[in-house]
Amino acid sequence: MSIVIVGGNECMERQYKDLCREYRCRAKVFTKTDGMSGKIGSPDLLVLFTGAMSHKMLQGALCGVKGKNTVIARSHSSSMAALRAILQTHAPLPAE
């Protein structure tokens, strides 16, 4: 499963990617507006950390996946617990 995370804390990019890897997902993380346009692609899941992003960044992310079969998950908090809850809902780990 491919995931794009928009917003969040710049210092936590590596932690976001590591957590997604635990859920067997490939992740791209964009914490800044610059460099985001045209690189979102068509992910299976778009995670928006709305508390840590500008309105322009939000609109750019939503326009990037418009018309594609992408599930959008929004969270005001950009914590690891919030991301873990989103991943558990949309990409749960298989039972062992």
PDB file of N, CA and C in Angstrom:
ATOM      1  N   MET A   1       0.852  -1.173   0.000  1.00  0.00           N
ATOM      2  CA  MET A   1       0.000   0.000   0.000  1.00  0.00           C
ATOM      3  C   MET A   1       0.898   1.236   0.000  1.00  0.00           C
ATOM      4  N   SER A   2       0.553   2.205  -0.792  1.00  0.00           N
ATOM      5  CA  SER A   2       1.328   3.447  -0.843  1.00  0.00           C
ATOM      6  C   SER A   2       0.585   4.548  -0.088  1.00  0.00           C
ATOM      7  N   ILE A   3       1.356   5.318   0.668  1.00  0.00           N
ATOM      8  CA  ILE A   3       0.798   6.368   1.509  1.00  0.00           C
ATOM      9  C   ILE A   3       1.557   7.660   1.266  1.00  0.00           C
ATOM     10  N   VAL A   4       0.824   8.766   1.207  1.00  0.00           N
ATOM     11  CA  VAL A   4       1.439  10.086   1.176  1.00  0.00           C
ATOM     12  C   VAL A   4       0.970  10.824   2.417  1.00  0.00           C
ATOM     13  N   ILE A   5       1.931  11.343   3.181  1.00  0.00           N
ATOM     14  CA  ILE A   5       1.637  12.106   4.384  1.00  0.00           C
ATOM     15  C   ILE A   5       1.970  13.564   4.097  1.00  0.00           C
ATOM     16  N   VAL A   6       0.986  14.432   4.306  1.00  0.00           N
ATOM     17  CA  VAL A   6       1.181  15.864   4.056  1.00  0.00           C
ATOM     18  C   VAL A   6       0.984  16.598   5.374  1.00  0.00           C
ATOM     19  N   GLY A   7       1.945  17.460   5.702  1.00  0.00           N
ATOM     20  CA  GLY A   7       1.908  18.185   6.958  1.00  0.00           C
ATOM     21  C   GLY A   7       2.751  17.465   7.987  1.00  0.00           C
ATOM     22  N   GLY A   8       2.535  17.770   9.225  1.00  0.00           N
ATOM     23  CA  GLY A   8       3.303  17.132  10.283  1.00  0.00           C
ATOM     24  C   GLY A   8       4.571  17.888  10.604  1.00  0.00           C
ATOM     25  N   ASN A   9       5.373  17.298  11.467  1.00  0.00           N
ATOM     26  CA  ASN A   9       6.609  17.930  11.922  1.00  0.00           C
ATOM     27  C   ASN A   9       7.780  17.453  11.082  1.00  0.00           C
ATOM     28  N   GLU A  10       8.594  18.394  10.662  1.00  0.00           N
ATOM     29  CA  GLU A  10       9.743  18.081   9.818  1.00  0.00           C
ATOM     30  C   GLU A  10      10.713  17.128  10.523  1.00  0.00           C
ATOM     31  N   CYS A  11      10.880  17.289  11.827  1.00  0.00           N
ATOM     32  CA  CYS A  11      11.829  16.449  12.560  1.00  0.00           C
ATOM     33  C   CYS A  11      11.318  15.021  12.756  1.00  0.00           C
ATOM     34  N   MET A  12      10.060  14.760  12.426  1.00  0.00           N
ATOM     35  CA  MET A  12       9.495  13.421  12.593  1.00  0.00           C
ATOM     36  C   MET A  12       9.324  12.664  11.284  1.00  0.00           C
ATOM     37  N   GLU A  13       9.838  13.190  10.188  1.00  0.00           N
ATOM     38  CA  GLU A  13       9.681  12.530   8.884  1.00  0.00           C
ATOM     39  C   GLU A  13      10.151  11.084   8.925  1.00  0.00           C
ATOM     40  N   ARG A  14      11.336  10.853   9.463  1.00  0.00           N
ATOM     41  CA  ARG A  14      11.894   9.497   9.523  1.00  0.00           C
ATOM     42  C   ARG A  14      11.017   8.584  10.353  1.00  0.00           C
ATOM     43  N   GLN A  15      10.479   9.079  11.462  1.00  0.00           N
ATOM     44  CA  GLN A  15       9.617   8.271  12.323  1.00  0.00           C
ATOM     45  C   GLN A  15       8.315   7.916  11.611  1.00  0.00           C
ATOM     46  N   TYR A  16       7.750   8.866  10.851  1.00  0.00           N
ATOM     47  CA  TYR A  16       6.544   8.576  10.073  1.00  0.00           C
ATOM     48  C   TYR A  16       6.817   7.448   9.078  1.00  0.00           C
ATOM     49  N   LYS A  17       7.939   7.534   8.361  1.00  0.00           N
ATOM     50  CA  LYS A  17       8.280   6.509   7.370  1.00  0.00           C
ATOM     51  C   LYS A  17       8.520   5.156   8.027  1.00  0.00           C
ATOM     52  N   ASP A  18       9.195   5.152   9.166  1.00  0.00           N
ATOM     53  CA  ASP A  18       9.464   3.899   9.875  1.00  0.00           C
ATOM     54  C   ASP A  18       8.173   3.235  10.343  1.00  0.00           C
ATOM     55  N   LEU A  19       7.239   4.026  10.852  1.00  0.00           N
ATOM     56  CA  LEU A  19       5.960   3.466  11.294  1.00  0.00           C
ATOM     57  C   LEU A  19       5.181   2.897  10.108  1.00  0.00           C
ATOM     58  N   CYS A  20       5.195   3.594   8.993  1.00  0.00           N
ATOM     59  CA  CYS A  20       4.509   3.079   7.801  1.00  0.00           C
ATOM     60  C   CYS A  20       5.153   1.770   7.340  1.00  0.00           C
ATOM     61  N   ARG A  21       6.464   1.679   7.449  1.00  0.00           N
ATOM     62  CA  ARG A  21       7.167   0.451   7.065  1.00  0.00           C
ATOM     63  C   ARG A  21       6.731  -0.717   7.952  1.00  0.00           C
ATOM     64  N   GLU A  22       6.479  -0.451   9.243  1.00  0.00           N
ATOM     65  CA  GLU A  22       5.991  -1.498  10.153  1.00  0.00           C
ATOM     66  C   GLU A  22       4.651  -2.053   9.685  1.00  0.00           C
ATOM     67  N   TYR A  23       3.850  -1.207   9.048  1.00  0.00           N
ATOM     68  CA  TYR A  23       2.548  -1.624   8.533  1.00  0.00           C
ATOM     69  C   TYR A  23       2.639  -2.092   7.075  1.00  0.00           C
ATOM     70  N   ARG A  24       3.854  -2.331   6.608  1.00  0.00           N
ATOM     71  CA  ARG A  24       4.124  -2.820   5.249  1.00  0.00           C
ATOM     72  C   ARG A  24       3.605  -1.859   4.174  1.00  0.00           C
ATOM     73  N   CYS A  25       3.840  -0.580   4.400  1.00  0.00           N
ATOM     74  CA  CYS A  25       3.414   0.463   3.466  1.00  0.00           C
ATOM     75  C   CYS A  25       4.623   1.282   3.020  1.00  0.00           C
ATOM     76  N   ARG A  26       4.564   1.768   1.789  1.00  0.00           N
ATOM     77  CA  ARG A  26       5.570   2.705   1.286  1.00  0.00           C
ATOM     78  C   ARG A  26       5.024   4.111   1.523  1.00  0.00           C
ATOM     79  N   ALA A  27       5.879   5.004   2.019  1.00  0.00           N
ATOM     80  CA  ALA A  27       5.394   6.333   2.377  1.00  0.00           C
ATOM     81  C   ALA A  27       6.262   7.434   1.781  1.00  0.00           C
ATOM     82  N   LYS A  28       5.591   8.498   1.355  1.00  0.00           N
ATOM     83  CA  LYS A  28       6.231   9.761   1.010  1.00  0.00           C
ATOM     84  C   LYS A  28       5.735  10.767   2.032  1.00  0.00           C
ATOM     85  N   VAL A  29       6.624  11.619   2.500  1.00  0.00           N
ATOM     86  CA  VAL A  29       6.248  12.615   3.500  1.00  0.00           C
ATOM     87  C   VAL A  29       6.596  13.999   2.973  1.00  0.00           C
ATOM     88  N   PHE A  30       5.616  14.895   2.990  1.00  0.00           N
ATOM     89  CA  PHE A  30       5.815  16.279   2.578  1.00  0.00           C
ATOM     90  C   PHE A  30       5.431  17.176   3.749  1.00  0.00           C
ATOM     91  N   THR A  31       6.422  17.789   4.374  1.00  0.00           N
ATOM     92  CA  THR A  31       6.143  18.687   5.491  1.00  0.00           C
ATOM     93  C   THR A  31       6.176  20.146   5.065  1.00  0.00           C
ATOM     94  N   LYS A  32       6.638  20.393   3.849  1.00  0.00           N
ATOM     95  CA  LYS A  32       6.691  21.751   3.309  1.00  0.00           C
ATOM     96  C   LYS A  32       5.984  21.796   1.961  1.00  0.00           C
ATOM     97  N   THR A  33       5.511  22.975   1.594  1.00  0.00           N
ATOM     98  CA  THR A  33       4.804  23.149   0.327  1.00  0.00           C
ATOM     99  C   THR A  33       5.740  22.992  -0.859  1.00  0.00           C
ATOM    100  N   ASP A  34       6.949  23.533  -0.748  1.00  0.00           N
ATOM    101  CA  ASP A  34       7.869  23.470  -1.878  1.00  0.00           C
ATOM    102  C   ASP A  34       8.309  22.021  -2.133  1.00  0.00           C
ATOM    103  N   GLY A  35       8.301  21.646  -3.381  1.00  0.00           N
ATOM    104  CA  GLY A  35       8.693  20.297  -3.761  1.00  0.00           C
ATOM    105  C   GLY A  35       7.559  19.297  -3.759  1.00  0.00           C
ATOM    106  N   MET A  36       6.363  19.716  -3.380  1.00  0.00           N
ATOM    107  CA  MET A  36       5.238  18.786  -3.289  1.00  0.00           C
ATOM    108  C   MET A  36       4.467  18.662  -4.597  1.00  0.00           C
ATOM    109  N   SER A  37       4.353  19.758  -5.340  1.00  0.00           N
ATOM    110  CA  SER A  37       3.503  19.748  -6.527  1.00  0.00           C
ATOM    111  C   SER A  37       4.027  18.772  -7.570  1.00  0.00           C
ATOM    112  N   GLY A  38       3.150  17.942  -8.050  1.00  0.00           N
ATOM    113  CA  GLY A  38       3.491  16.980  -9.085  1.00  0.00           C
ATOM    114  C   GLY A  38       4.159  15.715  -8.587  1.00  0.00           C
ATOM    115  N   LYS A  39       4.448  15.626  -7.296  1.00  0.00           N
ATOM    116  CA  LYS A  39       5.136  14.452  -6.769  1.00  0.00           C
ATOM    117  C   LYS A  39       4.239  13.556  -5.926  1.00  0.00           C
ATOM    118  N   ILE A  40       2.987  13.936  -5.762  1.00  0.00           N
ATOM    119  CA  ILE A  40       2.090  13.133  -4.930  1.00  0.00           C
ATOM    120  C   ILE A  40       1.748  11.811  -5.612  1.00  0.00           C
ATOM    121  N   GLY A  41       1.520  11.840  -6.905  1.00  0.00           N
ATOM    122  CA  GLY A  41       1.184  10.617  -7.625  1.00  0.00           C
ATOM    123  C   GLY A  41      -0.240  10.177  -7.329  1.00  0.00           C
ATOM    124  N   SER A  42      -0.456   8.866  -7.285  1.00  0.00           N
ATOM    125  CA  SER A  42      -1.790   8.348  -6.959  1.00  0.00           C
ATOM    126  C   SER A  42      -1.667   7.314  -5.846  1.00  0.00           C
ATOM    127  N   PRO A  43      -1.553   7.785  -4.608  1.00  0.00           N
ATOM    128  CA  PRO A  43      -1.397   6.867  -3.475  1.00  0.00           C
ATOM    129  C   PRO A  43      -2.711   6.178  -3.127  1.00  0.00           C
ATOM    130  N   ASP A  44      -2.618   5.091  -2.374  1.00  0.00           N
ATOM    131  CA  ASP A  44      -3.813   4.423  -1.880  1.00  0.00           C
ATOM    132  C   ASP A  44      -4.438   5.199  -0.730  1.00  0.00           C
ATOM    133  N   LEU A  45      -3.591   5.872   0.054  1.00  0.00           N
ATOM    134  CA  LEU A  45      -4.054   6.621   1.222  1.00  0.00           C
ATOM    135  C   LEU A  45      -3.322   7.953   1.309  1.00  0.00           C
ATOM    136  N   LEU A  46      -4.067   9.026   1.488  1.00  0.00           N
ATOM    137  CA  LEU A  46      -3.500  10.358   1.695  1.00  0.00           C
ATOM    138  C   LEU A  46      -3.806  10.766   3.128  1.00  0.00           C
ATOM    139  N   VAL A  47      -2.763  10.991   3.919  1.00  0.00           N
ATOM    140  CA  VAL A  47      -2.916  11.400   5.317  1.00  0.00           C
ATOM    141  C   VAL A  47      -2.626  12.885   5.403  1.00  0.00           C
ATOM    142  N   LEU A  48      -3.584  13.639   5.925  1.00  0.00           N
ATOM    143  CA  LEU A  48      -3.447  15.084   6.057  1.00  0.00           C
ATOM    144  C   LEU A  48      -3.391  15.447   7.535  1.00  0.00           C
ATOM    145  N   PHE A  49      -2.261  15.965   7.982  1.00  0.00           N
ATOM    146  CA  PHE A  49      -2.129  16.477   9.343  1.00  0.00           C
ATOM    147  C   PHE A  49      -2.481  17.959   9.292  1.00  0.00           C
ATOM    148  N   THR A  50      -3.759  18.266   9.459  1.00  0.00           N
ATOM    149  CA  THR A  50      -4.278  19.608   9.213  1.00  0.00           C
ATOM    150  C   THR A  50      -3.803  20.645  10.221  1.00  0.00           C
ATOM    151  N   GLY A  51      -3.391  20.233  11.403  1.00  0.00           N
ATOM    152  CA  GLY A  51      -2.938  21.189  12.399  1.00  0.00           C
ATOM    153  C   GLY A  51      -1.561  21.763  12.098  1.00  0.00           C
ATOM    154  N   ALA A  52      -0.832  21.107  11.197  1.00  0.00           N
ATOM    155  CA  ALA A  52       0.544  21.533  10.915  1.00  0.00           C
ATOM    156  C   ALA A  52       0.745  21.794   9.432  1.00  0.00           C
ATOM    157  N   MET A  53      -0.245  22.423   8.808  1.00  0.00           N
ATOM    158  CA  MET A  53      -0.112  22.745   7.389  1.00  0.00           C
ATOM    159  C   MET A  53      -0.887  24.011   7.066  1.00  0.00           C
ATOM    160  N   SER A  54      -0.480  24.652   5.993  1.00  0.00           N
ATOM    161  CA  SER A  54      -1.175  25.857   5.557  1.00  0.00           C
ATOM    162  C   SER A  54      -2.370  25.480   4.695  1.00  0.00           C
ATOM    163  N   HIS A  55      -3.254  26.446   4.502  1.00  0.00           N
ATOM    164  CA  HIS A  55      -4.421  26.218   3.655  1.00  0.00           C
ATOM    165  C   HIS A  55      -3.983  25.927   2.217  1.00  0.00           C
ATOM    166  N   LYS A  56      -2.953  26.619   1.763  1.00  0.00           N
ATOM    167  CA  LYS A  56      -2.428  26.413   0.414  1.00  0.00           C
ATOM    168  C   LYS A  56      -1.907  24.984   0.244  1.00  0.00           C
ATOM    169  N   MET A  57      -1.238  24.478   1.251  1.00  0.00           N
ATOM    170  CA  MET A  57      -0.706  23.117   1.210  1.00  0.00           C
ATOM    171  C   MET A  57      -1.840  22.095   1.173  1.00  0.00           C
ATOM    172  N   LEU A  58      -2.883  22.333   1.946  1.00  0.00           N
ATOM    173  CA  LEU A  58      -4.046  21.446   1.967  1.00  0.00           C
ATOM    174  C   LEU A  58      -4.712  21.410   0.596  1.00  0.00           C
ATOM    175  N   GLN A  59      -4.936  22.568   0.005  1.00  0.00           N
ATOM    176  CA  GLN A  59      -5.572  22.626  -1.308  1.00  0.00           C
ATOM    177  C   GLN A  59      -4.708  21.961  -2.375  1.00  0.00           C
ATOM    178  N   GLY A  60      -3.399  22.139  -2.310  1.00  0.00           N
ATOM    179  CA  GLY A  60      -2.491  21.507  -3.264  1.00  0.00           C
ATOM    180  C   GLY A  60      -2.532  19.992  -3.173  1.00  0.00           C
ATOM    181  N   ALA A  61      -2.589  19.473  -1.958  1.00  0.00           N
ATOM    182  CA  ALA A  61      -2.646  18.023  -1.762  1.00  0.00           C
ATOM    183  C   ALA A  61      -3.962  17.450  -2.272  1.00  0.00           C
ATOM    184  N   LEU A  62      -5.063  18.132  -1.977  1.00  0.00           N
ATOM    185  CA  LEU A  62      -6.370  17.641  -2.422  1.00  0.00           C
ATOM    186  C   LEU A  62      -6.511  17.711  -3.942  1.00  0.00           C
ATOM    187  N   CYS A  63      -5.970  18.758  -4.554  1.00  0.00           N
ATOM    188  CA  CYS A  63      -6.005  18.861  -6.022  1.00  0.00           C
ATOM    189  C   CYS A  63      -5.127  17.798  -6.665  1.00  0.00           C
ATOM    190  N   GLY A  64      -4.057  17.407  -5.985  1.00  0.00           N
ATOM    191  CA  GLY A  64      -3.148  16.403  -6.516  1.00  0.00           C
ATOM    192  C   GLY A  64      -3.759  15.021  -6.625  1.00  0.00           C
ATOM    193  N   VAL A  65      -4.734  14.713  -5.791  1.00  0.00           N
ATOM    194  CA  VAL A  65      -5.372  13.391  -5.828  1.00  0.00           C
ATOM    195  C   VAL A  65      -6.804  13.434  -6.346  1.00  0.00           C
ATOM    196  N   LYS A  66      -7.237  14.597  -6.800  1.00  0.00           N
ATOM    197  CA  LYS A  66      -8.609  14.735  -7.298  1.00  0.00           C
ATOM    198  C   LYS A  66      -8.827  13.814  -8.498  1.00  0.00           C
ATOM    199  N   GLY A  67      -9.906  13.074  -8.483  1.00  0.00           N
ATOM    200  CA  GLY A  67     -10.245  12.186  -9.583  1.00  0.00           C
ATOM    201  C   GLY A  67      -9.539  10.838  -9.527  1.00  0.00           C
ATOM    202  N   LYS A  68      -8.757  10.613  -8.500  1.00  0.00           N
ATOM    203  CA  LYS A  68      -8.056   9.337  -8.346  1.00  0.00           C
ATOM    204  C   LYS A  68      -8.728   8.547  -7.236  1.00  0.00           C
ATOM    205  N   ASN A  69      -8.480   7.272  -7.220  1.00  0.00           N
ATOM    206  CA  ASN A  69      -9.099   6.397  -6.228  1.00  0.00           C
ATOM    207  C   ASN A  69      -8.243   6.380  -4.958  1.00  0.00           C
ATOM    208  N   THR A  70      -8.227   7.501  -4.243  1.00  0.00           N
ATOM    209  CA  THR A  70      -7.401   7.667  -3.055  1.00  0.00           C
ATOM    210  C   THR A  70      -8.283   7.908  -1.844  1.00  0.00           C
ATOM    211  N   VAL A  71      -8.027   7.169  -0.774  1.00  0.00           N
ATOM    212  CA  VAL A  71      -8.725   7.379   0.490  1.00  0.00           C
ATOM    213  C   VAL A  71      -8.023   8.518   1.210  1.00  0.00           C
ATOM    214  N   ILE A  72      -8.795   9.460   1.744  1.00  0.00           N
ATOM    215  CA  ILE A  72      -8.227  10.619   2.432  1.00  0.00           C
ATOM    216  C   ILE A  72      -8.545  10.518   3.921  1.00  0.00           C
ATOM    217  N   ALA A  73      -7.502  10.584   4.746  1.00  0.00           N
ATOM    218  CA  ALA A  73      -7.658  10.564   6.206  1.00  0.00           C
ATOM    219  C   ALA A  73      -7.102  11.873   6.744  1.00  0.00           C
ATOM    220  N   ARG A  74      -7.899  12.546   7.583  1.00  0.00           N
ATOM    221  CA  ARG A  74      -7.482  13.829   8.155  1.00  0.00           C
ATOM    222  C   ARG A  74      -7.332  13.690   9.659  1.00  0.00           C
ATOM    223  N   SER A  75      -6.319  14.352  10.184  1.00  0.00           N
ATOM    224  CA  SER A  75      -6.107  14.377  11.624  1.00  0.00           C
ATOM    225  C   SER A  75      -5.565  15.747  12.000  1.00  0.00           C
ATOM    226  N   HIS A  76      -6.107  16.329  13.033  1.00  0.00           N
ATOM    227  CA  HIS A  76      -5.600  17.621  13.477  1.00  0.00           C
ATOM    228  C   HIS A  76      -4.237  17.445  14.151  1.00  0.00           C
ATOM    229  N   SER A  77      -4.084  16.339  14.840  1.00  0.00           N
ATOM    230  CA  SER A  77      -2.828  16.047  15.526  1.00  0.00           C
ATOM    231  C   SER A  77      -1.848  15.389  14.557  1.00  0.00           C
ATOM    232  N   SER A  78      -0.571  15.708  14.705  1.00  0.00           N
ATOM    233  CA  SER A  78       0.444  15.102  13.843  1.00  0.00           C
ATOM    234  C   SER A  78       1.347  14.176  14.651  1.00  0.00           C
ATOM    235  N   SER A  79       0.785  13.559  15.687  1.00  0.00           N
ATOM    236  CA  SER A  79       1.568  12.691  16.556  1.00  0.00           C
ATOM    237  C   SER A  79       1.694  11.287  15.974  1.00  0.00           C
ATOM    238  N   MET A  80       2.607  10.525  16.533  1.00  0.00           N
ATOM    239  CA  MET A  80       2.772   9.135  16.109  1.00  0.00           C
ATOM    240  C   MET A  80       1.527   8.329  16.457  1.00  0.00           C
ATOM    241  N   ALA A  81       0.893   8.632  17.570  1.00  0.00           N
ATOM    242  CA  ALA A  81      -0.326   7.921  17.963  1.00  0.00           C
ATOM    243  C   ALA A  81      -1.447   8.171  16.960  1.00  0.00           C
ATOM    244  N   ALA A  82      -1.548   9.392  16.456  1.00  0.00           N
ATOM    245  CA  ALA A  82      -2.573   9.704  15.460  1.00  0.00           C
ATOM    246  C   ALA A  82      -2.307   8.944  14.163  1.00  0.00           C
ATOM    247  N   LEU A  83      -1.048   8.906  13.729  1.00  0.00           N
ATOM    248  CA  LEU A  83      -0.705   8.164  12.514  1.00  0.00           C
ATOM    249  C   LEU A  83      -0.932   6.680  12.710  1.00  0.00           C
ATOM    250  N   ARG A  84      -0.582   6.155  13.877  1.00  0.00           N
ATOM    251  CA  ARG A  84      -0.796   4.732  14.163  1.00  0.00           C
ATOM    252  C   ARG A  84      -2.284   4.382  14.103  1.00  0.00           C
ATOM    253  N   ALA A  85      -3.139   5.250  14.631  1.00  0.00           N
ATOM    254  CA  ALA A  85      -4.587   5.009  14.591  1.00  0.00           C
ATOM    255  C   ALA A  85      -5.101   5.012  13.157  1.00  0.00           C
ATOM    256  N   ILE A  86      -4.596   5.918  12.333  1.00  0.00           N
ATOM    257  CA  ILE A  86      -5.006   5.969  10.926  1.00  0.00           C
ATOM    258  C   ILE A  86      -4.552   4.712  10.196  1.00  0.00           C
ATOM    259  N   LEU A  87      -3.310   4.306  10.431  1.00  0.00           N
ATOM    260  CA  LEU A  87      -2.805   3.102   9.768  1.00  0.00           C
ATOM    261  C   LEU A  87      -3.539   1.858  10.238  1.00  0.00           C
ATOM    262  N   GLN A  88      -3.879   1.792  11.503  1.00  0.00           N
ATOM    263  CA  GLN A  88      -4.622   0.632  12.018  1.00  0.00           C
ATOM    264  C   GLN A  88      -5.989   0.548  11.365  1.00  0.00           C
ATOM    265  N   THR A  89      -6.586   1.674  11.068  1.00  0.00           N
ATOM    266  CA  THR A  89      -7.900   1.694  10.432  1.00  0.00           C
ATOM    267  C   THR A  89      -7.830   1.331   8.959  1.00  0.00           C
ATOM    268  N   HIS A  90      -6.856   1.905   8.241  1.00  0.00           N
ATOM    269  CA  HIS A  90      -6.814   1.760   6.798  1.00  0.00           C
ATOM    270  C   HIS A  90      -5.846   0.704   6.279  1.00  0.00           C
ATOM    271  N   ALA A  91      -4.860   0.315   7.075  1.00  0.00           N
ATOM    272  CA  ALA A  91      -3.884  -0.696   6.650  1.00  0.00           C
ATOM    273  C   ALA A  91      -3.513  -1.578   7.828  1.00  0.00           C
ATOM    274  N   PRO A  92      -4.484  -2.286   8.404  1.00  0.00           N
ATOM    275  CA  PRO A  92      -4.200  -3.060   9.608  1.00  0.00           C
ATOM    276  C   PRO A  92      -3.185  -4.172   9.353  1.00  0.00           C
ATOM    277  N   LEU A  93      -2.416  -4.460  10.389  1.00  0.00           N
ATOM    278  CA  LEU A  93      -1.463  -5.556  10.292  1.00  0.00           C
ATOM    279  C   LEU A  93      -2.223  -6.886  10.290  1.00  0.00           C
ATOM    280  N   PRO A  94      -1.768  -7.859   9.520  1.00  0.00           N
ATOM    281  CA  PRO A  94      -2.433  -9.160   9.524  1.00  0.00           C
ATOM    282  C   PRO A  94      -2.259  -9.860  10.884  1.00  0.00           C
ATOM    283  N   ALA A  95      -3.250 -10.632  11.284  1.00  0.00           N
ATOM    284  CA  ALA A  95      -3.168 -11.352  12.549  1.00  0.00           C
ATOM    285  C   ALA A  95      -2.102 -12.434  12.437  1.00  0.00           C
ATOM    286  N   GLU A  96      -1.339 -12.580  13.495  1.00  0.00           N
ATOM    287  CA  GLU A  96      -0.265 -13.571  13.464  1.00  0.00           C
ATOM    288  C   GLU A  96      -0.653 -14.823  14.185  1.00  0.00           C
TER     289      GLU A  96
END
